[in-house]
Amino acid sequence: MADILAENLSGKAVMGSDGTELGMLYNITMNLKSGELRDLVVEPHEGELAPSQSSFDTDEDGHFRVPVGRVQAIKDYIVVQR
């Protein structure tokens, strides 16, 4: 996958590999010591996909935490394996 600046990802829509829209990219977490990216923090669209309908963990604010290893493509959408 080509290198992409994080600022270019801000607010990008996140979609599951099955075509389900998960929401918008809210933030990215990383390991501060190693610099390794950990999770995409995705703000779900209101009323469209309940956390119980997703296989992803959620944080205290209801954002999905998608491991970066599940990212399959980044173009118009960020596509993640579901």
Protein backbone atom coordinates (compact mmCIF):
# COMPACT_ATOMS: atom_id res chain seq x y z
CA MET A 1 0.00 0.00 0.00
CA ALA A 2 1.31 3.46 -0.87
CA ASP A 3 2.23 5.92 1.87
CA ILE A 4 -0.59 8.31 2.77
CA LEU A 5 -0.41 11.27 5.14
CA ALA A 6 -2.76 10.98 8.12
CA GLU A 7 -4.10 14.48 7.47
CA ASN A 8 -5.43 13.21 4.12
CA LEU A 9 -7.46 10.55 5.93
CA SER A 10 -9.25 12.86 8.33
CA GLY A 11 -13.02 12.65 7.88
CA LYS A 12 -12.79 9.89 5.25
CA ALA A 13 -15.68 7.43 5.12
CA VAL A 14 -14.97 3.89 6.36
CA MET A 15 -16.68 0.94 4.68
CA GLY A 16 -16.65 -2.77 5.42
CA SER A 17 -15.51 -5.21 2.72
CA ASP A 18 -19.14 -6.32 2.53
CA GLY A 19 -20.24 -2.82 1.47
CA THR A 20 -21.59 -1.73 4.87
CA GLU A 21 -20.81 1.90 5.70
CA LEU A 22 -19.32 1.96 9.19
CA GLY A 23 -18.93 5.73 9.62
CA MET A 24 -16.29 8.42 9.36
CA LEU A 25 -12.66 8.22 10.46
CA TYR A 26 -12.41 10.11 13.74
CA ASN A 27 -8.84 9.41 14.80
CA ILE A 28 -5.95 6.94 14.61
CA THR A 29 -4.24 5.42 17.66
CA MET A 30 -0.59 4.44 17.80
CA ASN A 31 2.09 3.04 20.08
CA LEU A 32 4.09 6.10 21.15
CA LYS A 33 7.29 4.13 21.76
CA SER A 34 7.43 2.25 18.47
CA GLY A 35 5.35 4.55 16.26
CA GLU A 36 3.31 1.56 15.14
CA LEU A 37 -0.29 2.37 14.20
CA ARG A 38 -2.87 0.43 16.22
CA ASP A 39 -6.50 1.29 15.49
CA LEU A 40 -8.68 3.44 13.32
CA VAL A 41 -11.23 5.16 15.55
CA VAL A 42 -14.45 5.37 13.53
CA GLU A 43 -17.42 7.53 14.44
CA PRO A 44 -20.49 5.52 13.37
CA HIS A 45 -23.27 7.21 11.42
CA GLU A 46 -26.15 7.89 13.81
CA GLY A 47 -28.81 5.22 13.72
CA GLU A 48 -27.29 3.23 10.86
CA LEU A 49 -25.10 0.58 12.49
CA ALA A 50 -25.40 -0.24 16.17
CA PRO A 51 -22.23 -1.37 17.97
CA SER A 52 -23.95 -4.72 18.57
CA GLN A 53 -24.12 -5.21 14.77
CA SER A 54 -20.37 -4.85 14.40
CA SER A 55 -17.54 -7.23 15.22
CA PHE A 56 -15.33 -4.30 16.26
CA ASP A 57 -14.64 -3.19 19.83
CA THR A 58 -15.99 0.20 20.84
CA ASP A 59 -14.58 2.89 23.11
CA GLU A 60 -16.41 4.74 25.89
CA ASP A 61 -17.80 7.22 23.33
CA GLY A 62 -19.27 4.51 21.10
CA HIS A 63 -16.59 4.81 18.39
CA PHE A 64 -15.54 1.61 16.62
CA ARG A 65 -11.89 0.61 17.10
CA VAL A 66 -10.76 -1.05 13.88
CA PRO A 67 -7.27 -2.66 13.97
CA VAL A 68 -5.12 -1.20 11.19
CA GLY A 69 -4.26 -4.74 10.09
CA ARG A 70 -7.82 -5.03 8.77
CA VAL A 71 -7.45 -2.11 6.34
CA GLN A 72 -7.70 -3.48 2.80
CA ALA A 73 -7.74 -0.34 0.64
CA ILE A 74 -7.74 3.42 0.84
CA LYS A 75 -9.28 5.31 -2.07
CA ASP A 76 -12.62 7.12 -1.96
CA TYR A 77 -13.35 5.07 1.17
CA ILE A 78 -11.19 3.31 3.71
CA VAL A 79 -12.17 -0.33 3.16
CA VAL A 80 -11.75 -2.69 6.12
CA GLN A 81 -12.21 -6.43 6.49
CA ARG A 82 -15.37 -7.29 8.43
